[in-house]
PDB file of N, CA and C in Angstrom:
ATOM      1  N   UNK A   1      92.672 124.899  95.984  1.00  0.00           N
ATOM      2  CA  UNK A   1      93.719 125.876  96.221  1.00  0.00           C
ATOM      3  C   UNK A   1      94.064 125.851  97.711  1.00  0.00           C
ATOM      4  N   UNK A   2      95.334 125.785  98.000  1.00  0.00           N
ATOM      5  CA  UNK A   2      95.809 125.794  99.381  1.00  0.00           C
ATOM      6  C   UNK A   2      96.548 127.096  99.639  1.00  0.00           C
ATOM      7  N   UNK A   3      96.807 127.360 100.892  1.00  0.00           N
ATOM      8  CA  UNK A   3      97.515 128.601 101.178  1.00  0.00           C
ATOM      9  C   UNK A   3      98.411 128.450 102.395  1.00  0.00           C
ATOM     10  N   UNK A   4      99.446 129.275 102.394  1.00  0.00           N
ATOM     11  CA  UNK A   4     100.303 129.449 103.557  1.00  0.00           C
ATOM     12  C   UNK A   4     100.081 130.892 104.001  1.00  0.00           C
ATOM     13  N   UNK A   5     100.855 131.324 104.924  1.00  0.00           N
ATOM     14  CA  UNK A   5     100.709 132.693 105.424  1.00  0.00           C
ATOM     15  C   UNK A   5     100.925 133.731 104.328  1.00  0.00           C
ATOM     16  N   UNK A   6     101.834 133.407 103.377  1.00  0.00           N
ATOM     17  CA  UNK A   6     102.198 134.393 102.358  1.00  0.00           C
ATOM     18  C   UNK A   6     101.911 133.956 100.923  1.00  0.00           C
ATOM     19  N   UNK A   7     101.293 132.804 100.723  1.00  0.00           N
ATOM     20  CA  UNK A   7     101.070 132.360  99.342  1.00  0.00           C
ATOM     21  C   UNK A   7      99.822 131.496  99.212  1.00  0.00           C
ATOM     22  N   UNK A   8      99.305 131.492  97.992  1.00  0.00           N
ATOM     23  CA  UNK A   8      98.239 130.557  97.627  1.00  0.00           C
ATOM     24  C   UNK A   8      98.821 129.683  96.534  1.00  0.00           C
ATOM     25  N   UNK A   9      98.555 128.390  96.590  1.00  0.00           N
ATOM     26  CA  UNK A   9      99.207 127.493  95.647  1.00  0.00           C
ATOM     27  C   UNK A   9      98.360 126.257  95.362  1.00  0.00           C
ATOM     28  N   UNK A  10      98.695 125.650  94.244  1.00  0.00           N
ATOM     29  CA  UNK A  10      98.160 124.349  93.876  1.00  0.00           C
ATOM     30  C   UNK A  10      99.291 123.610  93.176  1.00  0.00           C
ATOM     31  N   UNK A  11     100.205 123.072  93.974  1.00  0.00           N
ATOM     32  CA  UNK A  11     101.389 122.398  93.452  1.00  0.00           C
ATOM     33  C   UNK A  11     101.316 120.938  93.880  1.00  0.00           C
ATOM     34  N   UNK A  12     101.237 120.055  92.898  1.00  0.00           N
ATOM     35  CA  UNK A  12     101.131 118.627  93.170  1.00  0.00           C
ATOM     36  C   UNK A  12     102.270 117.881  92.487  1.00  0.00           C
ATOM     37  N   UNK A  13     102.843 116.923  93.192  1.00  0.00           N
ATOM     38  CA  UNK A  13     103.959 116.142  92.663  1.00  0.00           C
ATOM     39  C   UNK A  13     103.652 114.656  92.740  1.00  0.00           C
ATOM     40  N   UNK A  14     104.102 113.937  91.700  1.00  0.00           N
ATOM     41  CA  UNK A  14     104.142 112.485  91.730  1.00  0.00           C
ATOM     42  C   UNK A  14     105.566 112.128  92.142  1.00  0.00           C
ATOM     43  N   UNK A  15     105.718 111.359  93.200  1.00  0.00           N
ATOM     44  CA  UNK A  15     107.030 110.931  93.666  1.00  0.00           C
ATOM     45  C   UNK A  15     107.067 109.397  93.639  1.00  0.00           C
ATOM     46  N   UNK A  16     108.107 108.841  93.053  1.00  0.00           N
ATOM     47  CA  UNK A  16     108.251 107.390  92.977  1.00  0.00           C
ATOM     48  C   UNK A  16     109.688 107.032  93.298  1.00  0.00           C
ATOM     49  N   UNK A  17     109.877 106.012  94.138  1.00  0.00           N
ATOM     50  CA  UNK A  17     111.216 105.487  94.407  1.00  0.00           C
ATOM     51  C   UNK A  17     111.120 104.017  94.759  1.00  0.00           C
ATOM     52  N   UNK A  18     112.285 103.362  94.777  1.00  0.00           N
ATOM     53  CA  UNK A  18     112.311 101.908  94.971  1.00  0.00           C
ATOM     54  C   UNK A  18     113.281 101.531  96.092  1.00  0.00           C
ATOM     55  N   UNK A  19     113.088 100.327  96.665  1.00  0.00           N
ATOM     56  CA  UNK A  19     114.061  99.839  97.642  1.00  0.00           C
ATOM     57  C   UNK A  19     115.370  99.467  96.941  1.00  0.00           C
ATOM     58  N   UNK A  20     116.431  99.500  97.686  1.00  0.00           N
ATOM     59  CA  UNK A  20     117.740  99.124  97.165  1.00  0.00           C
ATOM     60  C   UNK A  20     117.678  97.707  96.594  1.00  0.00           C
ATOM     61  N   UNK A  21     118.304  97.503  95.464  1.00  0.00           N
ATOM     62  CA  UNK A  21     118.353  96.212  94.762  1.00  0.00           C
ATOM     63  C   UNK A  21     116.979  95.744  94.295  1.00  0.00           C
ATOM     64  N   UNK A  22     116.012  96.640  94.304  1.00  0.00           N
ATOM     65  CA  UNK A  22     114.648  96.346  93.849  1.00  0.00           C
ATOM     66  C   UNK A  22     114.051  95.141  94.585  1.00  0.00           C
ATOM     67  N   UNK A  23     114.409  95.018  95.860  1.00  0.00           N
ATOM     68  CA  UNK A  23     113.898  93.923  96.679  1.00  0.00           C
ATOM     69  C   UNK A  23     112.396  94.092  96.893  1.00  0.00           C
ATOM     70  N   UNK A  24     111.587  93.052  96.646  1.00  0.00           N
ATOM     71  CA  UNK A  24     110.146  93.142  96.868  1.00  0.00           C
ATOM     72  C   UNK A  24     109.800  92.952  98.345  1.00  0.00           C
ATOM     73  N   UNK A  25     110.167  93.929  99.163  1.00  0.00           N
ATOM     74  CA  UNK A  25     110.035  93.782 100.613  1.00  0.00           C
ATOM     75  C   UNK A  25     108.930  94.641 101.223  1.00  0.00           C
ATOM     76  N   UNK A  26     108.249  95.431 100.415  1.00  0.00           N
ATOM     77  CA  UNK A  26     107.251  96.362 100.937  1.00  0.00           C
ATOM     78  C   UNK A  26     105.866  95.708 100.912  1.00  0.00           C
ATOM     79  N   UNK A  27     105.706  94.653 101.692  1.00  0.00           N
ATOM     80  CA  UNK A  27     104.456  93.898 101.741  1.00  0.00           C
ATOM     81  C   UNK A  27     104.006  93.731 103.191  1.00  0.00           C
ATOM     82  N   UNK A  28     102.741  93.391 103.375  1.00  0.00           N
ATOM     83  CA  UNK A  28     102.214  93.088 104.700  1.00  0.00           C
ATOM     84  C   UNK A  28     102.407  94.209 105.700  1.00  0.00           C
ATOM     85  N   UNK A  29     102.961  93.840 106.861  1.00  0.00           N
ATOM     86  CA  UNK A  29     103.172  94.811 107.931  1.00  0.00           C
ATOM     87  C   UNK A  29     104.108  95.943 107.507  1.00  0.00           C
ATOM     88  N   UNK A  30     105.114  95.634 106.698  1.00  0.00           N
ATOM     89  CA  UNK A  30     106.062  96.668 106.265  1.00  0.00           C
ATOM     90  C   UNK A  30     105.333  97.783 105.518  1.00  0.00           C
ATOM     91  N   UNK A  31     104.435  97.414 104.623  1.00  0.00           N
ATOM     92  CA  UNK A  31     103.678  98.410 103.860  1.00  0.00           C
ATOM     93  C   UNK A  31     102.786  99.231 104.796  1.00  0.00           C
ATOM     94  N   UNK A  32     102.149  98.566 105.735  1.00  0.00           N
ATOM     95  CA  UNK A  32     101.293  99.275 106.689  1.00  0.00           C
ATOM     96  C   UNK A  32     102.072 100.248 107.553  1.00  0.00           C
ATOM     97  N   UNK A  33     103.222  99.805 108.046  1.00  0.00           N
ATOM     98  CA  UNK A  33     104.066 100.676 108.872  1.00  0.00           C
ATOM     99  C   UNK A  33     104.560 101.875 108.061  1.00  0.00           C
ATOM    100  N   UNK A  34     105.000 101.630 106.821  1.00  0.00           N
ATOM    101  CA  UNK A  34     105.475 102.737 105.989  1.00  0.00           C
ATOM    102  C   UNK A  34     104.364 103.729 105.692  1.00  0.00           C
ATOM    103  N   UNK A  35     103.171 103.237 105.453  1.00  0.00           N
ATOM    104  CA  UNK A  35     102.037 104.117 105.209  1.00  0.00           C
ATOM    105  C   UNK A  35     101.816 105.058 106.395  1.00  0.00           C
ATOM    106  N   UNK A  36     101.852 104.513 107.592  1.00  0.00           N
ATOM    107  CA  UNK A  36     101.710 105.339 108.797  1.00  0.00           C
ATOM    108  C   UNK A  36     102.836 106.355 108.908  1.00  0.00           C
ATOM    109  N   UNK A  37     104.051 105.917 108.640  1.00  0.00           N
ATOM    110  CA  UNK A  37     105.214 106.799 108.740  1.00  0.00           C
ATOM    111  C   UNK A  37     105.113 107.928 107.713  1.00  0.00           C
ATOM    112  N   UNK A  38     104.731 107.614 106.465  1.00  0.00           N
ATOM    113  CA  UNK A  38     104.584 108.658 105.447  1.00  0.00           C
ATOM    114  C   UNK A  38     103.537 109.687 105.879  1.00  0.00           C
ATOM    115  N   UNK A  39     102.447 109.223 106.480  1.00  0.00           N
ATOM    116  CA  UNK A  39     101.407 110.150 106.939  1.00  0.00           C
ATOM    117  C   UNK A  39     101.920 111.040 108.080  1.00  0.00           C
ATOM    118  N   UNK A  40     102.724 110.467 108.973  1.00  0.00           N
ATOM    119  CA  UNK A  40     103.316 111.268 110.059  1.00  0.00           C
ATOM    120  C   UNK A  40     104.251 112.346 109.506  1.00  0.00           C
ATOM    121  N   UNK A  41     105.080 111.961 108.546  1.00  0.00           N
ATOM    122  CA  UNK A  41     106.010 112.916 107.938  1.00  0.00           C
ATOM    123  C   UNK A  41     105.235 114.047 107.276  1.00  0.00           C
ATOM    124  N   UNK A  42     104.225 113.688 106.504  1.00  0.00           N
ATOM    125  CA  UNK A  42     103.427 114.698 105.803  1.00  0.00           C
ATOM    126  C   UNK A  42     102.755 115.646 106.783  1.00  0.00           C
ATOM    127  N   UNK A  43     102.186 115.109 107.832  1.00  0.00           N
ATOM    128  CA  UNK A  43     101.511 115.945 108.827  1.00  0.00           C
ATOM    129  C   UNK A  43     102.501 116.907 109.477  1.00  0.00           C
ATOM    130  N   UNK A  44     103.655 116.398 109.850  1.00  0.00           N
ATOM    131  CA  UNK A  44     104.655 117.228 110.533  1.00  0.00           C
ATOM    132  C   UNK A  44     105.206 118.328 109.620  1.00  0.00           C
ATOM    133  N   UNK A  45     105.331 118.040 108.322  1.00  0.00           N
ATOM    134  CA  UNK A  45     105.936 118.990 107.384  1.00  0.00           C
ATOM    135  C   UNK A  45     104.911 119.868 106.663  1.00  0.00           C
ATOM    136  N   UNK A  46     103.625 119.662 106.911  1.00  0.00           N
ATOM    137  CA  UNK A  46     102.606 120.478 106.263  1.00  0.00           C
ATOM    138  C   UNK A  46     102.367 120.108 104.809  1.00  0.00           C
ATOM    139  N   UNK A  47     102.501 118.822 104.510  1.00  0.00           N
ATOM    140  CA  UNK A  47     102.309 118.302 103.158  1.00  0.00           C
ATOM    141  C   UNK A  47     101.033 117.471 103.155  1.00  0.00           C
ATOM    142  N   UNK A  48     100.267 117.577 102.085  1.00  0.00           N
ATOM    143  CA  UNK A  48      99.052 116.772 101.974  1.00  0.00           C
ATOM    144  C   UNK A  48      99.297 115.593 101.036  1.00  0.00           C
ATOM    145  N   UNK A  49      99.032 114.385 101.515  1.00  0.00           N
ATOM    146  CA  UNK A  49      99.135 113.205 100.668  1.00  0.00           C
ATOM    147  C   UNK A  49      97.799 113.032  99.959  1.00  0.00           C
ATOM    148  N   UNK A  50      97.820 113.172  98.644  1.00  0.00           N
ATOM    149  CA  UNK A  50      96.611 113.045  97.837  1.00  0.00           C
ATOM    150  C   UNK A  50      96.390 111.598  97.399  1.00  0.00           C
ATOM    151  N   UNK A  51      97.461 110.851  97.301  1.00  0.00           N
ATOM    152  CA  UNK A  51      97.388 109.447  96.915  1.00  0.00           C
ATOM    153  C   UNK A  51      98.660 108.734  97.315  1.00  0.00           C
ATOM    154  N   UNK A  52      98.520 107.457  97.665  1.00  0.00           N
ATOM    155  CA  UNK A  52      99.683 106.684  98.078  1.00  0.00           C
ATOM    156  C   UNK A  52      99.499 105.251  97.611  1.00  0.00           C
ATOM    157  N   UNK A  53     100.551 104.700  97.018  1.00  0.00           N
ATOM    158  CA  UNK A  53     100.534 103.302  96.616  1.00  0.00           C
ATOM    159  C   UNK A  53     101.867 102.700  97.023  1.00  0.00           C
ATOM    160  N   UNK A  54     101.805 101.710  97.892  1.00  0.00           N
ATOM    161  CA  UNK A  54     103.022 101.016  98.311  1.00  0.00           C
ATOM    162  C   UNK A  54     102.944  99.609  97.733  1.00  0.00           C
ATOM    163  N   UNK A  55     103.752  99.377  96.710  1.00  0.00           N
ATOM    164  CA  UNK A  55     103.808  98.085  96.046  1.00  0.00           C
ATOM    165  C   UNK A  55     104.989  97.303  96.619  1.00  0.00           C
ATOM    166  N   UNK A  56     105.079  96.007  96.350  1.00  0.00           N
ATOM    167  CA  UNK A  56     106.193  95.231  96.919  1.00  0.00           C
ATOM    168  C   UNK A  56     107.575  95.790  96.597  1.00  0.00           C
ATOM    169  N   UNK A  57     107.720  96.452  95.419  1.00  0.00           N
ATOM    170  CA  UNK A  57     109.050  96.924  95.036  1.00  0.00           C
ATOM    171  C   UNK A  57     109.103  98.396  94.625  1.00  0.00           C
ATOM    172  N   UNK A  58     108.109  99.187  94.996  1.00  0.00           N
ATOM    173  CA  UNK A  58     108.212 100.628  94.795  1.00  0.00           C
ATOM    174  C   UNK A  58     107.164 101.364  95.618  1.00  0.00           C
ATOM    175  N   UNK A  59     107.423 102.659  95.819  1.00  0.00           N
ATOM    176  CA  UNK A  59     106.504 103.550  96.520  1.00  0.00           C
ATOM    177  C   UNK A  59     106.110 104.655  95.552  1.00  0.00           C
ATOM    178  N   UNK A  60     104.815 104.947  95.499  1.00  0.00           N
ATOM    179  CA  UNK A  60     104.294 106.028  94.669  1.00  0.00           C
ATOM    180  C   UNK A  60     103.484 106.942  95.575  1.00  0.00           C
ATOM    181  N   UNK A  61     103.899 108.200  95.671  1.00  0.00           N
ATOM    182  CA  UNK A  61     103.149 109.198  96.434  1.00  0.00           C
ATOM    183  C   UNK A  61     102.712 110.313  95.500  1.00  0.00           C
ATOM    184  N   UNK A  62     101.506 110.777  95.691  1.00  0.00           N
ATOM    185  CA  UNK A  62     101.008 111.958  95.001  1.00  0.00           C
ATOM    186  C   UNK A  62     100.728 112.961  96.106  1.00  0.00           C
ATOM    187  N   UNK A  63     101.506 114.045  96.140  1.00  0.00           N
ATOM    188  CA  UNK A  63     101.438 114.986  97.254  1.00  0.00           C
ATOM    189  C   UNK A  63     101.237 116.413  96.770  1.00  0.00           C
ATOM    190  N   UNK A  64     100.679 117.219  97.659  1.00  0.00           N
ATOM    191  CA  UNK A  64     100.574 118.657  97.455  1.00  0.00           C
ATOM    192  C   UNK A  64     101.435 119.319  98.509  1.00  0.00           C
ATOM    193  N   UNK A  65     102.346 120.179  98.060  1.00  0.00           N
ATOM    194  CA  UNK A  65     103.303 120.794  98.980  1.00  0.00           C
ATOM    195  C   UNK A  65     103.389 122.292  98.748  1.00  0.00           C
ATOM    196  N   UNK A  66     103.672 123.045  99.810  1.00  0.00           N
ATOM    197  CA  UNK A  66     103.854 124.490  99.664  1.00  0.00           C
ATOM    198  C   UNK A  66     105.024 124.813  98.733  1.00  0.00           C
ATOM    199  N   UNK A  67     105.011 125.985  98.108  1.00  0.00           N
ATOM    200  CA  UNK A  67     106.034 126.336  97.124  1.00  0.00           C
ATOM    201  C   UNK A  67     107.454 126.440  97.681  1.00  0.00           C
ATOM    202  N   UNK A  68     107.612 126.617  98.977  1.00  0.00           N
ATOM    203  CA  UNK A  68     108.975 126.731  99.502  1.00  0.00           C
ATOM    204  C   UNK A  68     109.705 125.388  99.566  1.00  0.00           C
ATOM    205  N   UNK A  69     108.995 124.275  99.329  1.00  0.00           N
ATOM    206  CA  UNK A  69     109.614 122.952  99.368  1.00  0.00           C
ATOM    207  C   UNK A  69     109.913 122.467  97.957  1.00  0.00           C
ATOM    208  N   UNK A  70     111.177 122.244  97.668  1.00  0.00           N
ATOM    209  CA  UNK A  70     111.547 121.715  96.358  1.00  0.00           C
ATOM    210  C   UNK A  70     111.203 120.229  96.287  1.00  0.00           C
ATOM    211  N   UNK A  71     111.000 119.706  95.084  1.00  0.00           N
ATOM    212  CA  UNK A  71     110.707 118.276  94.950  1.00  0.00           C
ATOM    213  C   UNK A  71     111.810 117.396  95.546  1.00  0.00           C
ATOM    214  N   UNK A  72     113.072 117.784  95.366  1.00  0.00           N
ATOM    215  CA  UNK A  72     114.163 116.969  95.915  1.00  0.00           C
ATOM    216  C   UNK A  72     114.126 116.953  97.440  1.00  0.00           C
ATOM    217  N   UNK A  73     113.738 118.058  98.056  1.00  0.00           N
ATOM    218  CA  UNK A  73     113.612 118.104  99.510  1.00  0.00           C
ATOM    219  C   UNK A  73     112.494 117.177  99.974  1.00  0.00           C
ATOM    220  N   UNK A  74     111.372 117.177  99.269  1.00  0.00           N
ATOM    221  CA  UNK A  74     110.261 116.297  99.625  1.00  0.00           C
ATOM    222  C   UNK A  74     110.691 114.834  99.574  1.00  0.00           C
ATOM    223  N   UNK A  75     111.368 114.462  98.496  1.00  0.00           N
ATOM    224  CA  UNK A  75     111.832 113.080  98.357  1.00  0.00           C
ATOM    225  C   UNK A  75     112.822 112.737  99.462  1.00  0.00           C
ATOM    226  N   UNK A  76     113.749 113.647  99.737  1.00  0.00           N
ATOM    227  CA  UNK A  76     114.722 113.396 100.805  1.00  0.00           C
ATOM    228  C   UNK A  76     114.037 113.209 102.146  1.00  0.00           C
ATOM    229  N   UNK A  77     113.026 114.005 102.437  1.00  0.00           N
ATOM    230  CA  UNK A  77     112.293 113.834 103.687  1.00  0.00           C
ATOM    231  C   UNK A  77     111.605 112.475 103.747  1.00  0.00           C
ATOM    232  N   UNK A  78     110.823 112.162 102.714  1.00  0.00           N
ATOM    233  CA  UNK A  78     110.076 110.912 102.745  1.00  0.00           C
ATOM    234  C   UNK A  78     111.003 109.694 102.780  1.00  0.00           C
ATOM    235  N   UNK A  79     112.068 109.710 101.994  1.00  0.00           N
ATOM    236  CA  UNK A  79     112.973 108.562 101.985  1.00  0.00           C
ATOM    237  C   UNK A  79     113.821 108.496 103.259  1.00  0.00           C
ATOM    238  N   UNK A  80     114.438 109.606 103.620  1.00  0.00           N
ATOM    239  CA  UNK A  80     115.356 109.612 104.766  1.00  0.00           C
ATOM    240  C   UNK A  80     114.667 109.398 106.096  1.00  0.00           C
ATOM    241  N   UNK A  81     113.622 110.167 106.344  1.00  0.00           N
ATOM    242  CA  UNK A  81     112.929 110.049 107.627  1.00  0.00           C
ATOM    243  C   UNK A  81     112.236 108.701 107.742  1.00  0.00           C
ATOM    244  N   UNK A  82     111.627 108.233 106.640  1.00  0.00           N
ATOM    245  CA  UNK A  82     110.928 106.942 106.708  1.00  0.00           C
ATOM    246  C   UNK A  82     111.895 105.802 106.985  1.00  0.00           C
ATOM    247  N   UNK A  83     113.055 105.812 106.358  1.00  0.00           N
ATOM    248  CA  UNK A  83     114.036 104.744 106.591  1.00  0.00           C
ATOM    249  C   UNK A  83     114.507 104.757 108.050  1.00  0.00           C
ATOM    250  N   UNK A  84     114.815 105.945 108.558  1.00  0.00           N
ATOM    251  CA  UNK A  84     115.279 106.015 109.955  1.00  0.00           C
ATOM    252  C   UNK A  84     114.193 105.563 110.928  1.00  0.00           C
ATOM    253  N   UNK A  85     112.968 106.047 110.733  1.00  0.00           N
ATOM    254  CA  UNK A  85     111.881 105.682 111.644  1.00  0.00           C
ATOM    255  C   UNK A  85     111.549 104.196 111.541  1.00  0.00           C
ATOM    256  N   UNK A  86     111.412 103.702 110.321  1.00  0.00           N
ATOM    257  CA  UNK A  86     111.066 102.294 110.135  1.00  0.00           C
ATOM    258  C   UNK A  86     112.142 101.391 110.737  1.00  0.00           C
ATOM    259  N   UNK A  87     113.391 101.679 110.433  1.00  0.00           N
ATOM    260  CA  UNK A  87     114.481 100.831 110.914  1.00  0.00           C
ATOM    261  C   UNK A  87     114.615 100.891 112.429  1.00  0.00           C
ATOM    262  N   UNK A  88     114.320 102.023 113.031  1.00  0.00           N
ATOM    263  CA  UNK A  88     114.377 102.144 114.483  1.00  0.00           C
ATOM    264  C   UNK A  88     113.257 101.336 115.144  1.00  0.00           C
ATOM    265  N   UNK A  89     112.036 101.451 114.584  1.00  0.00           N
ATOM    266  CA  UNK A  89     110.888 100.803 115.202  1.00  0.00           C
ATOM    267  C   UNK A  89     110.716  99.342 114.810  1.00  0.00           C
ATOM    268  N   UNK A  90     110.920  99.025 113.513  1.00  0.00           N
ATOM    269  CA  UNK A  90     110.535  97.701 113.016  1.00  0.00           C
ATOM    270  C   UNK A  90     111.633  96.955 112.273  1.00  0.00           C
ATOM    271  N   UNK A  91     112.701  97.603 111.899  1.00  0.00           N
ATOM    272  CA  UNK A  91     113.627  97.033 110.936  1.00  0.00           C
ATOM    273  C   UNK A  91     114.781  96.217 111.468  1.00  0.00           C
ATOM    274  N   UNK A  92     114.626  95.640 112.613  1.00  0.00           N
ATOM    275  CA  UNK A  92     115.745  94.880 113.169  1.00  0.00           C
ATOM    276  C   UNK A  92     116.119  93.679 112.297  1.00  0.00           C
ATOM    277  N   UNK A  93     115.131  92.974 111.762  1.00  0.00           N
ATOM    278  CA  UNK A  93     115.408  91.801 110.929  1.00  0.00           C
ATOM    279  C   UNK A  93     115.535  92.140 109.449  1.00  0.00           C
ATOM    280  N   UNK A  94     114.744  93.083 108.984  1.00  0.00           N
ATOM    281  CA  UNK A  94     114.749  93.444 107.561  1.00  0.00           C
ATOM    282  C   UNK A  94     114.660  94.964 107.423  1.00  0.00           C
ATOM    283  N   UNK A  95     115.792  95.659 107.534  1.00  0.00           N
ATOM    284  CA  UNK A  95     115.754  97.122 107.437  1.00  0.00           C
ATOM    285  C   UNK A  95     115.386  97.594 106.031  1.00  0.00           C
ATOM    286  N   UNK A  96     114.768  98.756 105.979  1.00  0.00           N
ATOM    287  CA  UNK A  96     114.424  99.390 104.706  1.00  0.00           C
ATOM    288  C   UNK A  96     115.632 100.197 104.247  1.00  0.00           C
ATOM    289  N   UNK A  97     116.022 100.004 103.000  1.00  0.00           N
ATOM    290  CA  UNK A  97     117.076 100.803 102.383  1.00  0.00           C
ATOM    291  C   UNK A  97     116.575 101.243 101.017  1.00  0.00           C
ATOM    292  N   UNK A  98     116.615 102.546 100.755  1.00  0.00           N
ATOM    293  CA  UNK A  98     116.146 103.087  99.484  1.00  0.00           C
ATOM    294  C   UNK A  98     117.319 103.325  98.551  1.00  0.00           C
ATOM    295  N   UNK A  99     117.064 103.267  97.238  1.00  0.00           N
ATOM    296  CA  UNK A  99     118.098 103.656  96.275  1.00  0.00           C
ATOM    297  C   UNK A  99     118.260 105.174  96.323  1.00  0.00           C
ATOM    298  N   UNK A 100     119.315 105.663  95.722  1.00  0.00           N
ATOM    299  CA  UNK A 100     119.521 107.112  95.652  1.00  0.00           C
ATOM    300  C   UNK A 100     118.610 107.754  94.613  1.00  0.00           C
ATOM    301  N   UNK A 101     118.148 106.983  93.646  1.00  0.00           N
ATOM    302  CA  UNK A 101     117.363 107.544  92.549  1.00  0.00           C
ATOM    303  C   UNK A 101     115.886 107.668  92.906  1.00  0.00           C
ATOM    304  N   UNK A 102     115.202 108.520  92.145  1.00  0.00           N
ATOM    305  CA  UNK A 102     113.768 108.695  92.320  1.00  0.00           C
ATOM    306  C   UNK A 102     113.209 109.330  91.061  1.00  0.00           C
ATOM    307  N   UNK A 103     111.901 109.303  90.950  1.00  0.00           N
ATOM    308  CA  UNK A 103     111.198 109.968  89.859  1.00  0.00           C
ATOM    309  C   UNK A 103     110.313 111.039  90.467  1.00  0.00           C
ATOM    310  N   UNK A 104     110.264 112.209  89.837  1.00  0.00           N
ATOM    311  CA  UNK A 104     109.337 113.253  90.251  1.00  0.00           C
ATOM    312  C   UNK A 104     108.723 113.873  89.007  1.00  0.00           C
ATOM    313  N   UNK A 105     107.422 114.110  89.072  1.00  0.00           N
ATOM    314  CA  UNK A 105     106.712 114.765  87.981  1.00  0.00           C
ATOM    315  C   UNK A 105     105.642 115.659  88.577  1.00  0.00           C
ATOM    316  N   UNK A 106     105.270 116.682  87.851  1.00  0.00           N
ATOM    317  CA  UNK A 106     104.220 117.568  88.328  1.00  0.00           C
ATOM    318  C   UNK A 106     102.887 117.124  87.751  1.00  0.00           C
ATOM    319  N   UNK A 107     101.825 117.439  88.442  1.00  0.00           N
ATOM    320  CA  UNK A 107     100.485 117.063  87.990  1.00  0.00           C
ATOM    321  C   UNK A 107     100.206 117.698  86.636  1.00  0.00           C
ATOM    322  N   UNK A 108      99.583 116.926  85.771  1.00  0.00           N
ATOM    323  CA  UNK A 108      99.247 117.425  84.453  1.00  0.00           C
ATOM    324  C   UNK A 108     100.252 117.032  83.394  1.00  0.00           C
ATOM    325  N   UNK A 109     101.460 116.673  83.786  1.00  0.00           N
ATOM    326  CA  UNK A 109     102.459 116.286  82.800  1.00  0.00           C
ATOM    327  C   UNK A 109     102.862 114.826  82.936  1.00  0.00           C
ATOM    328  N   UNK A 110     102.316 114.132  83.884  1.00  0.00           N
ATOM    329  CA  UNK A 110     102.721 112.761  84.143  1.00  0.00           C
ATOM    330  C   UNK A 110     101.536 111.830  83.908  1.00  0.00           C
ATOM    331  N   UNK A 111     101.791 110.793  83.147  1.00  0.00           N
ATOM    332  CA  UNK A 111     100.770 109.772  82.952  1.00  0.00           C
ATOM    333  C   UNK A 111     101.218 108.506  83.654  1.00  0.00           C
ATOM    334  N   UNK A 112     100.318 107.584  83.793  1.00  0.00           N
ATOM    335  CA  UNK A 112     100.688 106.310  84.417  1.00  0.00           C
ATOM    336  C   UNK A 112     101.730 105.595  83.560  1.00  0.00           C
ATOM    337  N   UNK A 113     101.698 105.819  82.236  1.00  0.00           N
ATOM    338  CA  UNK A 113     102.696 105.209  81.359  1.00  0.00           C
ATOM    339  C   UNK A 113     104.101 105.736  81.668  1.00  0.00           C
ATOM    340  N   UNK A 114     104.225 107.025  81.956  1.00  0.00           N
ATOM    341  CA  UNK A 114     105.519 107.603  82.311  1.00  0.00           C
ATOM    342  C   UNK A 114     106.055 106.973  83.588  1.00  0.00           C
ATOM    343  N   UNK A 115     105.189 106.810  84.556  1.00  0.00           N
ATOM    344  CA  UNK A 115     105.600 106.212  85.822  1.00  0.00           C
ATOM    345  C   UNK A 115     106.007 104.754  85.610  1.00  0.00           C
ATOM    346  N   UNK A 116     105.230 104.013  84.826  1.00  0.00           N
ATOM    347  CA  UNK A 116     105.567 102.613  84.542  1.00  0.00           C
ATOM    348  C   UNK A 116     106.904 102.509  83.822  1.00  0.00           C
ATOM    349  N   UNK A 117     107.156 103.440  82.886  1.00  0.00           N
ATOM    350  CA  UNK A 117     108.425 103.446  82.156  1.00  0.00           C
ATOM    351  C   UNK A 117     109.593 103.644  83.125  1.00  0.00           C
ATOM    352  N   UNK A 118     109.463 104.575  84.058  1.00  0.00           N
ATOM    353  CA  UNK A 118     110.511 104.802  85.052  1.00  0.00           C
ATOM    354  C   UNK A 118     110.765 103.549  85.859  1.00  0.00           C
ATOM    355  N   UNK A 119     109.694 102.893  86.309  1.00  0.00           N
ATOM    356  CA  UNK A 119     109.842 101.689  87.134  1.00  0.00           C
ATOM    357  C   UNK A 119     110.538 100.590  86.323  1.00  0.00           C
ATOM    358  N   UNK A 120     110.172 100.432  85.054  1.00  0.00           N
ATOM    359  CA  UNK A 120     110.799  99.425  84.206  1.00  0.00           C
ATOM    360  C   UNK A 120     112.289  99.724  84.006  1.00  0.00           C
ATOM    361  N   UNK A 121     112.628 101.000  83.832  1.00  0.00           N
ATOM    362  CA  UNK A 121     114.023 101.378  83.667  1.00  0.00           C
ATOM    363  C   UNK A 121     114.858 101.025  84.897  1.00  0.00           C
ATOM    364  N   UNK A 122     114.252 101.086  86.056  1.00  0.00           N
ATOM    365  CA  UNK A 122     114.977 100.763  87.289  1.00  0.00           C
ATOM    366  C   UNK A 122     115.332  99.281  87.366  1.00  0.00           C
ATOM    367  N   UNK A 123     114.558  98.431  86.713  1.00  0.00           N
ATOM    368  CA  UNK A 123     114.827  96.997  86.738  1.00  0.00           C
ATOM    369  C   UNK A 123     116.127  96.654  86.040  1.00  0.00           C
ATOM    370  N   UNK A 124     116.492  97.444  85.040  1.00  0.00           N
ATOM    371  CA  UNK A 124     117.707  97.159  84.274  1.00  0.00           C
ATOM    372  C   UNK A 124     118.971  97.667  84.961  1.00  0.00           C
ATOM    373  N   UNK A 125     118.820  98.383  86.062  1.00  0.00           N
ATOM    374  CA  UNK A 125     120.011  98.922  86.758  1.00  0.00           C
ATOM    375  C   UNK A 125     120.615  97.910  87.670  1.00  0.00           C
TER     376      UNK A 125
END
């Protein structure tokens, strides 16, 4: 159980998104840099990263966030801030660009099969 000044909560989200055109570009140094950037964003915004998986063609975060943050706001922060920071620091040759779409699920209702299904659906777009 976590708490803020005015609330106690246990809210966990699975967040998944992919690079534009499903490019398998999140490997090596890019994955390491993004991992650092996601941790910086979480620290600054008061979000706890419970799990993180950066695959060549998708990002999966499992986070705990205070109740005042909507899931769409969390995704916008992680996608928007990470793209700007990565592209400013490292992306001169291969900038990171995310699709507009994402998957979000709450803990207890999401299985790995649901996440895999979402990722497979993105391949057909």
